[in-house]
Structures are given as structure tokens and as C-alpha cells.
Amino acid sequence: MNIKPIGKRVLIKPVKEKERTKGGIYIPETAKEKRKQGIVVELGTIEEKEFPISKGDVILYTGYSSEELEVDGEKYLILDSKDIIAKIEE
């Protein structure tokens, strides 16, 4: 895959939410957490000192203005950097 976002956009791979609990109980859509997570795949022209994320980081984002695309059967999102609300550090 060779997709390079333009400007202050970020290409991410959404992290799929769990369908079941550890005990095997099914979680319906209405009960799932509303936060959205993704893994940064590619950055546009954002410099790290301007925006402290890099490839491979796990982020939280709002999903109202993202562009979905599918490449080789995998789903990706392109979002504006302003839609990234946090970086998850372990």
C-alpha cells in the first residue's frame, strides 16, 4: 500500500472493538464504548514538533469527518489531525 495523506491529515487503521467479554457474553452496539481507537499508519505533512504523533502510535479520535477507504481487504480512515484527541501510551 502506498497512500500518503496530504496536508495535516493522518491515515489510520481502526482498532476493532471487542464483540464479546472475557466471559463470552455478547456486547450489543448500543452498549459499546463510544471512544474510537486507531493505529497511525502514515502522516501527511505534519512535523512531530508541531503534532507529537508518529507511525505505529495508538490514538483516540472523533469519527465525524473521516474518509473511509479499503485497500487489499483492509479498512483504513483518513482524518484531519484536529480530530485526534489523545495518544495512548502503555
PDB file of N, CA and C in Angstrom:
ATOM      1  N   MET A   1       0.852  -1.175   0.000  1.00  0.00           N
ATOM      2  CA  MET A   1       0.000   0.000   0.000  1.00  0.00           C
ATOM      3  C   MET A   1       0.894   1.232   0.000  1.00  0.00           C
ATOM      4  N   ASN A   2       0.535   2.199  -0.813  1.00  0.00           N
ATOM      5  CA  ASN A   2       1.321   3.414  -0.913  1.00  0.00           C
ATOM      6  C   ASN A   2       0.380   4.612  -0.921  1.00  0.00           C
ATOM      7  N   ILE A   3      -0.198   4.922   0.224  1.00  0.00           N
ATOM      8  CA  ILE A   3      -1.107   6.061   0.349  1.00  0.00           C
ATOM      9  C   ILE A   3      -0.445   7.075   1.271  1.00  0.00           C
ATOM     10  N   LYS A   4      -0.281   8.291   0.787  1.00  0.00           N
ATOM     11  CA  LYS A   4       0.331   9.364   1.567  1.00  0.00           C
ATOM     12  C   LYS A   4      -0.696  10.480   1.732  1.00  0.00           C
ATOM     13  N   PRO A   5      -1.175  10.718   2.966  1.00  0.00           N
ATOM     14  CA  PRO A   5      -2.137  11.807   3.184  1.00  0.00           C
ATOM     15  C   PRO A   5      -1.506  13.161   2.841  1.00  0.00           C
ATOM     16  N   ILE A   6      -2.328  14.089   2.422  1.00  0.00           N
ATOM     17  CA  ILE A   6      -1.891  15.435   2.058  1.00  0.00           C
ATOM     18  C   ILE A   6      -2.261  16.388   3.192  1.00  0.00           C
ATOM     19  N   GLY A   7      -1.398  17.339   3.470  1.00  0.00           N
ATOM     20  CA  GLY A   7      -1.677  18.341   4.487  1.00  0.00           C
ATOM     21  C   GLY A   7      -1.620  17.752   5.884  1.00  0.00           C
ATOM     22  N   LYS A   8      -2.436  18.271   6.760  1.00  0.00           N
ATOM     23  CA  LYS A   8      -2.447  17.834   8.155  1.00  0.00           C
ATOM     24  C   LYS A   8      -3.455  16.710   8.355  1.00  0.00           C
ATOM     25  N   ARG A   9      -3.312  15.670   7.535  1.00  0.00           N
ATOM     26  CA  ARG A   9      -4.185  14.511   7.641  1.00  0.00           C
ATOM     27  C   ARG A   9      -3.358  13.298   8.058  1.00  0.00           C
ATOM     28  N   VAL A  10      -4.059  12.307   8.615  1.00  0.00           N
ATOM     29  CA  VAL A  10      -3.410  11.110   9.127  1.00  0.00           C
ATOM     30  C   VAL A  10      -4.162   9.890   8.608  1.00  0.00           C
ATOM     31  N   LEU A  11      -3.426   8.889   8.130  1.00  0.00           N
ATOM     32  CA  LEU A  11      -4.011   7.621   7.710  1.00  0.00           C
ATOM     33  C   LEU A  11      -3.918   6.674   8.898  1.00  0.00           C
ATOM     34  N   ILE A  12      -5.064   6.116   9.320  1.00  0.00           N
ATOM     35  CA  ILE A  12      -5.074   5.196  10.453  1.00  0.00           C
ATOM     36  C   ILE A  12      -5.791   3.903  10.089  1.00  0.00           C
ATOM     37  N   LYS A  13      -5.480   2.872  10.846  1.00  0.00           N
ATOM     38  CA  LYS A  13      -6.191   1.610  10.750  1.00  0.00           C
ATOM     39  C   LYS A  13      -7.022   1.514  12.025  1.00  0.00           C
ATOM     40  N   PRO A  14      -8.353   1.547  11.897  1.00  0.00           N
ATOM     41  CA  PRO A  14      -9.190   1.488  13.096  1.00  0.00           C
ATOM     42  C   PRO A  14      -8.994   0.176  13.855  1.00  0.00           C
ATOM     43  N   VAL A  15      -9.023   0.263  15.176  1.00  0.00           N
ATOM     44  CA  VAL A  15      -8.944  -0.919  16.027  1.00  0.00           C
ATOM     45  C   VAL A  15     -10.368  -1.376  16.276  1.00  0.00           C
ATOM     46  N   LYS A  16     -10.646  -2.617  15.924  1.00  0.00           N
ATOM     47  CA  LYS A  16     -11.994  -3.153  16.068  1.00  0.00           C
ATOM     48  C   LYS A  16     -12.310  -3.384  17.541  1.00  0.00           C
ATOM     49  N   GLU A  17     -13.513  -2.950  17.942  1.00  0.00           N
ATOM     50  CA  GLU A  17     -13.933  -3.141  19.321  1.00  0.00           C
ATOM     51  C   GLU A  17     -14.290  -4.599  19.563  1.00  0.00           C
ATOM     52  N   LYS A  18     -14.162  -5.019  20.805  1.00  0.00           N
ATOM     53  CA  LYS A  18     -14.469  -6.394  21.166  1.00  0.00           C
ATOM     54  C   LYS A  18     -15.964  -6.659  21.023  1.00  0.00           C
ATOM     55  N   GLU A  19     -16.299  -7.818  20.479  1.00  0.00           N
ATOM     56  CA  GLU A  19     -17.699  -8.228  20.312  1.00  0.00           C
ATOM     57  C   GLU A  19     -18.227  -8.939  21.554  1.00  0.00           C
ATOM     58  N   ARG A  20     -17.312  -9.533  22.316  1.00  0.00           N
ATOM     59  CA  ARG A  20     -17.701 -10.306  23.498  1.00  0.00           C
ATOM     60  C   ARG A  20     -16.786  -9.962  24.674  1.00  0.00           C
ATOM     61  N   THR A  21     -17.301 -10.193  25.878  1.00  0.00           N
ATOM     62  CA  THR A  21     -16.495 -10.005  27.076  1.00  0.00           C
ATOM     63  C   THR A  21     -15.576 -11.201  27.259  1.00  0.00           C
ATOM     64  N   LYS A  22     -14.687 -11.146  28.245  1.00  0.00           N
ATOM     65  CA  LYS A  22     -13.796 -12.275  28.532  1.00  0.00           C
ATOM     66  C   LYS A  22     -14.589 -13.526  28.904  1.00  0.00           C
ATOM     67  N   GLY A  23     -15.757 -13.328  29.509  1.00  0.00           N
ATOM     68  CA  GLY A  23     -16.603 -14.455  29.905  1.00  0.00           C
ATOM     69  C   GLY A  23     -17.457 -14.995  28.776  1.00  0.00           C
ATOM     70  N   GLY A  24     -17.384 -14.376  27.575  1.00  0.00           N
ATOM     71  CA  GLY A  24     -18.122 -14.880  26.422  1.00  0.00           C
ATOM     72  C   GLY A  24     -19.475 -14.232  26.186  1.00  0.00           C
ATOM     73  N   ILE A  25     -19.795 -13.177  26.942  1.00  0.00           N
ATOM     74  CA  ILE A  25     -21.086 -12.506  26.775  1.00  0.00           C
ATOM     75  C   ILE A  25     -21.008 -11.541  25.606  1.00  0.00           C
ATOM     76  N   TYR A  26     -22.000 -11.594  24.702  1.00  0.00           N
ATOM     77  CA  TYR A  26     -22.078 -10.718  23.535  1.00  0.00           C
ATOM     78  C   TYR A  26     -22.368  -9.295  23.971  1.00  0.00           C
ATOM     79  N   ILE A  27     -21.641  -8.315  23.393  1.00  0.00           N
ATOM     80  CA  ILE A  27     -21.853  -6.898  23.695  1.00  0.00           C
ATOM     81  C   ILE A  27     -22.590  -6.254  22.522  1.00  0.00           C
ATOM     82  N   PRO A  28     -23.838  -5.786  22.712  1.00  0.00           N
ATOM     83  CA  PRO A  28     -24.561  -5.136  21.611  1.00  0.00           C
ATOM     84  C   PRO A  28     -23.964  -3.770  21.290  1.00  0.00           C
ATOM     85  N   GLU A  29     -24.201  -3.283  20.075  1.00  0.00           N
ATOM     86  CA  GLU A  29     -23.671  -1.990  19.629  1.00  0.00           C
ATOM     87  C   GLU A  29     -24.029  -0.860  20.582  1.00  0.00           C
ATOM     88  N   THR A  30     -25.235  -0.874  21.129  1.00  0.00           N
ATOM     89  CA  THR A  30     -25.683   0.216  21.996  1.00  0.00           C
ATOM     90  C   THR A  30     -24.941   0.265  23.323  1.00  0.00           C
ATOM     91  N   ALA A  31     -24.300  -0.843  23.724  1.00  0.00           N
ATOM     92  CA  ALA A  31     -23.594  -0.890  24.999  1.00  0.00           C
ATOM     93  C   ALA A  31     -22.095  -0.699  24.860  1.00  0.00           C
ATOM     94  N   LYS A  32     -21.583  -0.636  23.633  1.00  0.00           N
ATOM     95  CA  LYS A  32     -20.143  -0.489  23.428  1.00  0.00           C
ATOM     96  C   LYS A  32     -19.702   0.921  23.787  1.00  0.00           C
ATOM     97  N   GLU A  33     -18.426   1.035  24.170  1.00  0.00           N
ATOM     98  CA  GLU A  33     -17.879   2.344  24.491  1.00  0.00           C
ATOM     99  C   GLU A  33     -17.862   3.224  23.248  1.00  0.00           C
ATOM    100  N   LYS A  34     -18.040   4.515  23.433  1.00  0.00           N
ATOM    101  CA  LYS A  34     -18.134   5.443  22.306  1.00  0.00           C
ATOM    102  C   LYS A  34     -16.780   5.936  21.803  1.00  0.00           C
ATOM    103  N   ARG A  35     -15.710   5.690  22.552  1.00  0.00           N
ATOM    104  CA  ARG A  35     -14.406   6.150  22.075  1.00  0.00           C
ATOM    105  C   ARG A  35     -13.944   5.288  20.906  1.00  0.00           C
ATOM    106  N   LYS A  36     -13.182   5.873  20.021  1.00  0.00           N
ATOM    107  CA  LYS A  36     -12.683   5.171  18.847  1.00  0.00           C
ATOM    108  C   LYS A  36     -11.172   5.180  18.892  1.00  0.00           C
ATOM    109  N   GLN A  37     -10.574   4.026  18.608  1.00  0.00           N
ATOM    110  CA  GLN A  37      -9.125   3.903  18.620  1.00  0.00           C
ATOM    111  C   GLN A  37      -8.620   3.518  17.245  1.00  0.00           C
ATOM    112  N   GLY A  38      -7.400   3.911  16.953  1.00  0.00           N
ATOM    113  CA  GLY A  38      -6.774   3.542  15.689  1.00  0.00           C
ATOM    114  C   GLY A  38      -5.263   3.536  15.814  1.00  0.00           C
ATOM    115  N   ILE A  39      -4.620   2.893  14.864  1.00  0.00           N
ATOM    116  CA  ILE A  39      -3.163   2.846  14.808  1.00  0.00           C
ATOM    117  C   ILE A  39      -2.708   3.716  13.642  1.00  0.00           C
ATOM    118  N   VAL A  40      -1.796   4.632  13.893  1.00  0.00           N
ATOM    119  CA  VAL A  40      -1.298   5.545  12.865  1.00  0.00           C
ATOM    120  C   VAL A  40      -0.467   4.750  11.858  1.00  0.00           C
ATOM    121  N   VAL A  41      -0.858   4.826  10.578  1.00  0.00           N
ATOM    122  CA  VAL A  41      -0.155   4.136   9.512  1.00  0.00           C
ATOM    123  C   VAL A  41       0.755   5.096   8.754  1.00  0.00           C
ATOM    124  N   GLU A  42       0.259   6.296   8.481  1.00  0.00           N
ATOM    125  CA  GLU A  42       1.023   7.271   7.689  1.00  0.00           C
ATOM    126  C   GLU A  42       0.605   8.678   8.089  1.00  0.00           C
ATOM    127  N   LEU A  43       1.560   9.615   8.075  1.00  0.00           N
ATOM    128  CA  LEU A  43       1.298  11.023   8.376  1.00  0.00           C
ATOM    129  C   LEU A  43       1.419  11.849   7.113  1.00  0.00           C
ATOM    130  N   GLY A  44       0.660  12.935   7.056  1.00  0.00           N
ATOM    131  CA  GLY A  44       0.786  13.871   5.951  1.00  0.00           C
ATOM    132  C   GLY A  44       2.008  14.746   6.182  1.00  0.00           C
ATOM    133  N   THR A  45       1.867  16.044   6.035  1.00  0.00           N
ATOM    134  CA  THR A  45       2.997  16.964   6.195  1.00  0.00           C
ATOM    135  C   THR A  45       3.092  17.508   7.617  1.00  0.00           C
ATOM    136  N   ILE A  46       2.662  16.723   8.580  1.00  0.00           N
ATOM    137  CA  ILE A  46       2.733  17.117   9.988  1.00  0.00           C
ATOM    138  C   ILE A  46       4.152  16.860  10.486  1.00  0.00           C
ATOM    139  N   GLU A  47       4.723  17.833  11.153  1.00  0.00           N
ATOM    140  CA  GLU A  47       6.027  17.635  11.768  1.00  0.00           C
ATOM    141  C   GLU A  47       5.818  17.230  13.220  1.00  0.00           C
ATOM    142  N   GLU A  48       6.665  16.364  13.742  1.00  0.00           N
ATOM    143  CA  GLU A  48       6.486  15.863  15.101  1.00  0.00           C
ATOM    144  C   GLU A  48       6.498  16.964  16.149  1.00  0.00           C
ATOM    145  N   LYS A  49       7.309  17.994  15.963  1.00  0.00           N
ATOM    146  CA  LYS A  49       7.317  19.072  16.957  1.00  0.00           C
ATOM    147  C   LYS A  49       6.015  19.857  16.905  1.00  0.00           C
ATOM    148  N   GLU A  50       5.348  19.842  15.771  1.00  0.00           N
ATOM    149  CA  GLU A  50       4.064  20.514  15.622  1.00  0.00           C
ATOM    150  C   GLU A  50       2.923  19.649  16.173  1.00  0.00           C
ATOM    151  N   PHE A  51       3.036  18.328  16.003  1.00  0.00           N
ATOM    152  CA  PHE A  51       1.988  17.402  16.424  1.00  0.00           C
ATOM    153  C   PHE A  51       2.668  16.112  16.858  1.00  0.00           C
ATOM    154  N   PRO A  52       2.672  15.796  18.140  1.00  0.00           N
ATOM    155  CA  PRO A  52       3.518  14.710  18.667  1.00  0.00           C
ATOM    156  C   PRO A  52       2.981  13.289  18.472  1.00  0.00           C
ATOM    157  N   ILE A  53       2.778  12.889  17.239  1.00  0.00           N
ATOM    158  CA  ILE A  53       2.424  11.501  16.959  1.00  0.00           C
ATOM    159  C   ILE A  53       3.347  10.990  15.858  1.00  0.00           C
ATOM    160  N   SER A  54       3.476   9.683  15.789  1.00  0.00           N
ATOM    161  CA  SER A  54       4.300   9.091  14.741  1.00  0.00           C
ATOM    162  C   SER A  54       3.682   7.767  14.315  1.00  0.00           C
ATOM    163  N   LYS A  55       4.223   7.174  13.284  1.00  0.00           N
ATOM    164  CA  LYS A  55       3.716   5.900  12.786  1.00  0.00           C
ATOM    165  C   LYS A  55       3.756   4.855  13.886  1.00  0.00           C
ATOM    166  N   GLY A  56       2.695   4.061  13.964  1.00  0.00           N
ATOM    167  CA  GLY A  56       2.618   2.997  14.959  1.00  0.00           C
ATOM    168  C   GLY A  56       1.967   3.398  16.269  1.00  0.00           C
ATOM    169  N   ASP A  57       1.753   4.709  16.492  1.00  0.00           N
ATOM    170  CA  ASP A  57       1.100   5.160  17.721  1.00  0.00           C
ATOM    171  C   ASP A  57      -0.367   4.752  17.727  1.00  0.00           C
ATOM    172  N   VAL A  58      -0.881   4.456  18.929  1.00  0.00           N
ATOM    173  CA  VAL A  58      -2.305   4.172  19.102  1.00  0.00           C
ATOM    174  C   VAL A  58      -2.945   5.468  19.574  1.00  0.00           C
ATOM    175  N   ILE A  59      -4.017   5.876  18.895  1.00  0.00           N
ATOM    176  CA  ILE A  59      -4.651   7.167  19.180  1.00  0.00           C
ATOM    177  C   ILE A  59      -6.143   6.995  19.464  1.00  0.00           C
ATOM    178  N   LEU A  60      -6.723   7.999  20.098  1.00  0.00           N
ATOM    179  CA  LEU A  60      -8.176   8.134  20.232  1.00  0.00           C
ATOM    180  C   LEU A  60      -8.590   9.244  19.282  1.00  0.00           C
ATOM    181  N   TYR A  61      -9.720   9.069  18.613  1.00  0.00           N
ATOM    182  CA  TYR A  61     -10.156  10.076  17.656  1.00  0.00           C
ATOM    183  C   TYR A  61     -11.674  10.199  17.640  1.00  0.00           C
ATOM    184  N   THR A  62     -12.141  11.339  17.150  1.00  0.00           N
ATOM    185  CA  THR A  62     -13.562  11.513  16.896  1.00  0.00           C
ATOM    186  C   THR A  62     -13.790  11.114  15.449  1.00  0.00           C
ATOM    187  N   GLY A  63     -14.918  10.551  15.135  1.00  0.00           N
ATOM    188  CA  GLY A  63     -15.099   9.991  13.802  1.00  0.00           C
ATOM    189  C   GLY A  63     -16.132  10.660  12.941  1.00  0.00           C
ATOM    190  N   TYR A  64     -16.323  11.952  13.094  1.00  0.00           N
ATOM    191  CA  TYR A  64     -17.389  12.605  12.355  1.00  0.00           C
ATOM    192  C   TYR A  64     -16.986  13.067  10.960  1.00  0.00           C
ATOM    193  N   SER A  65     -15.696  13.317  10.742  1.00  0.00           N
ATOM    194  CA  SER A  65     -15.312  13.851   9.432  1.00  0.00           C
ATOM    195  C   SER A  65     -14.201  13.027   8.783  1.00  0.00           C
ATOM    196  N   SER A  66     -14.212  11.723   9.017  1.00  0.00           N
ATOM    197  CA  SER A  66     -13.170  10.881   8.432  1.00  0.00           C
ATOM    198  C   SER A  66     -13.615  10.341   7.073  1.00  0.00           C
ATOM    199  N   GLU A  67     -12.637   9.980   6.273  1.00  0.00           N
ATOM    200  CA  GLU A  67     -12.884   9.402   4.947  1.00  0.00           C
ATOM    201  C   GLU A  67     -12.476   7.934   5.006  1.00  0.00           C
ATOM    202  N   GLU A  68     -13.416   7.034   4.744  1.00  0.00           N
ATOM    203  CA  GLU A  68     -13.122   5.600   4.769  1.00  0.00           C
ATOM    204  C   GLU A  68     -12.611   5.139   3.421  1.00  0.00           C
ATOM    205  N   LEU A  69     -11.670   4.182   3.449  1.00  0.00           N
ATOM    206  CA  LEU A  69     -11.235   3.547   2.222  1.00  0.00           C
ATOM    207  C   LEU A  69     -10.828   2.116   2.535  1.00  0.00           C
ATOM    208  N   GLU A  70     -10.854   1.278   1.524  1.00  0.00           N
ATOM    209  CA  GLU A  70     -10.484  -0.122   1.687  1.00  0.00           C
ATOM    210  C   GLU A  70      -9.400  -0.464   0.678  1.00  0.00           C
ATOM    211  N   VAL A  71      -8.304  -1.040   1.170  1.00  0.00           N
ATOM    212  CA  VAL A  71      -7.176  -1.422   0.330  1.00  0.00           C
ATOM    213  C   VAL A  71      -6.818  -2.863   0.681  1.00  0.00           C
ATOM    214  N   ASP A  72      -6.809  -3.721  -0.314  1.00  0.00           N
ATOM    215  CA  ASP A  72      -6.475  -5.137  -0.126  1.00  0.00           C
ATOM    216  C   ASP A  72      -7.305  -5.785   0.980  1.00  0.00           C
ATOM    217  N   GLY A  73      -8.573  -5.423   1.054  1.00  0.00           N
ATOM    218  CA  GLY A  73      -9.469  -6.016   2.036  1.00  0.00           C
ATOM    219  C   GLY A  73      -9.357  -5.442   3.440  1.00  0.00           C
ATOM    220  N   GLU A  74      -8.481  -4.486   3.656  1.00  0.00           N
ATOM    221  CA  GLU A  74      -8.297  -3.847   4.961  1.00  0.00           C
ATOM    222  C   GLU A  74      -8.958  -2.472   4.955  1.00  0.00           C
ATOM    223  N   LYS A  75      -9.632  -2.121   6.058  1.00  0.00           N
ATOM    224  CA  LYS A  75     -10.281  -0.814   6.158  1.00  0.00           C
ATOM    225  C   LYS A  75      -9.335   0.188   6.804  1.00  0.00           C
ATOM    226  N   TYR A  76      -9.305   1.396   6.244  1.00  0.00           N
ATOM    227  CA  TYR A  76      -8.491   2.493   6.749  1.00  0.00           C
ATOM    228  C   TYR A  76      -9.334   3.750   6.803  1.00  0.00           C
ATOM    229  N   LEU A  77      -8.869   4.729   7.576  1.00  0.00           N
ATOM    230  CA  LEU A  77      -9.513   6.035   7.650  1.00  0.00           C
ATOM    231  C   LEU A  77      -8.459   7.114   7.434  1.00  0.00           C
ATOM    232  N   ILE A  78      -8.865   8.172   6.761  1.00  0.00           N
ATOM    233  CA  ILE A  78      -8.036   9.371   6.686  1.00  0.00           C
ATOM    234  C   ILE A  78      -8.775  10.437   7.467  1.00  0.00           C
ATOM    235  N   LEU A  79      -8.105  10.968   8.494  1.00  0.00           N
ATOM    236  CA  LEU A  79      -8.744  12.017   9.287  1.00  0.00           C
ATOM    237  C   LEU A  79      -7.863  13.226   9.396  1.00  0.00           C
ATOM    238  N   ASP A  80      -8.496  14.329   9.689  1.00  0.00           N
ATOM    239  CA  ASP A  80      -7.771  15.571   9.913  1.00  0.00           C
ATOM    240  C   ASP A  80      -7.095  15.483  11.271  1.00  0.00           C
ATOM    241  N   SER A  81      -5.929  16.058  11.406  1.00  0.00           N
ATOM    242  CA  SER A  81      -5.191  15.976  12.672  1.00  0.00           C
ATOM    243  C   SER A  81      -5.967  16.588  13.836  1.00  0.00           C
ATOM    244  N   LYS A  82      -6.866  17.518  13.563  1.00  0.00           N
ATOM    245  CA  LYS A  82      -7.651  18.123  14.646  1.00  0.00           C
ATOM    246  C   LYS A  82      -8.658  17.140  15.250  1.00  0.00           C
ATOM    247  N   ASP A  83      -8.945  16.032  14.557  1.00  0.00           N
ATOM    248  CA  ASP A  83      -9.874  15.027  15.062  1.00  0.00           C
ATOM    249  C   ASP A  83      -9.204  14.020  15.993  1.00  0.00           C
ATOM    250  N   ILE A  84      -7.877  14.093  16.111  1.00  0.00           N
ATOM    251  CA  ILE A  84      -7.155  13.223  17.047  1.00  0.00           C
ATOM    252  C   ILE A  84      -7.185  13.893  18.411  1.00  0.00           C
ATOM    253  N   ILE A  85      -7.721  13.168  19.397  1.00  0.00           N
ATOM    254  CA  ILE A  85      -7.906  13.791  20.717  1.00  0.00           C
ATOM    255  C   ILE A  85      -6.910  13.311  21.760  1.00  0.00           C
ATOM    256  N   ALA A  86      -6.256  12.157  21.531  1.00  0.00           N
ATOM    257  CA  ALA A  86      -5.286  11.670  22.520  1.00  0.00           C
ATOM    258  C   ALA A  86      -4.392  10.598  21.905  1.00  0.00           C
ATOM    259  N   LYS A  87      -3.226  10.450  22.508  1.00  0.00           N
ATOM    260  CA  LYS A  87      -2.292   9.385  22.158  1.00  0.00           C
ATOM    261  C   LYS A  87      -2.250   8.436  23.346  1.00  0.00           C
ATOM    262  N   ILE A  88      -2.406   7.141  23.103  1.00  0.00           N
ATOM    263  CA  ILE A  88      -2.418   6.167  24.193  1.00  0.00           C
ATOM    264  C   ILE A  88      -0.997   5.625  24.365  1.00  0.00           C
ATOM    265  N   GLU A  89      -0.466   5.797  25.549  1.00  0.00           N
ATOM    266  CA  GLU A  89       0.877   5.295  25.855  1.00  0.00           C
ATOM    267  C   GLU A  89       0.740   4.188  26.873  1.00  0.00           C
ATOM    268  N   GLU A  90       1.448   3.100  26.643  1.00  0.00           N
ATOM    269  CA  GLU A  90       1.364   1.953  27.572  1.00  0.00           C
ATOM    270  C   GLU A  90       2.589   1.850  28.427  1.00  0.00           C
TER     271      GLU A  90
END
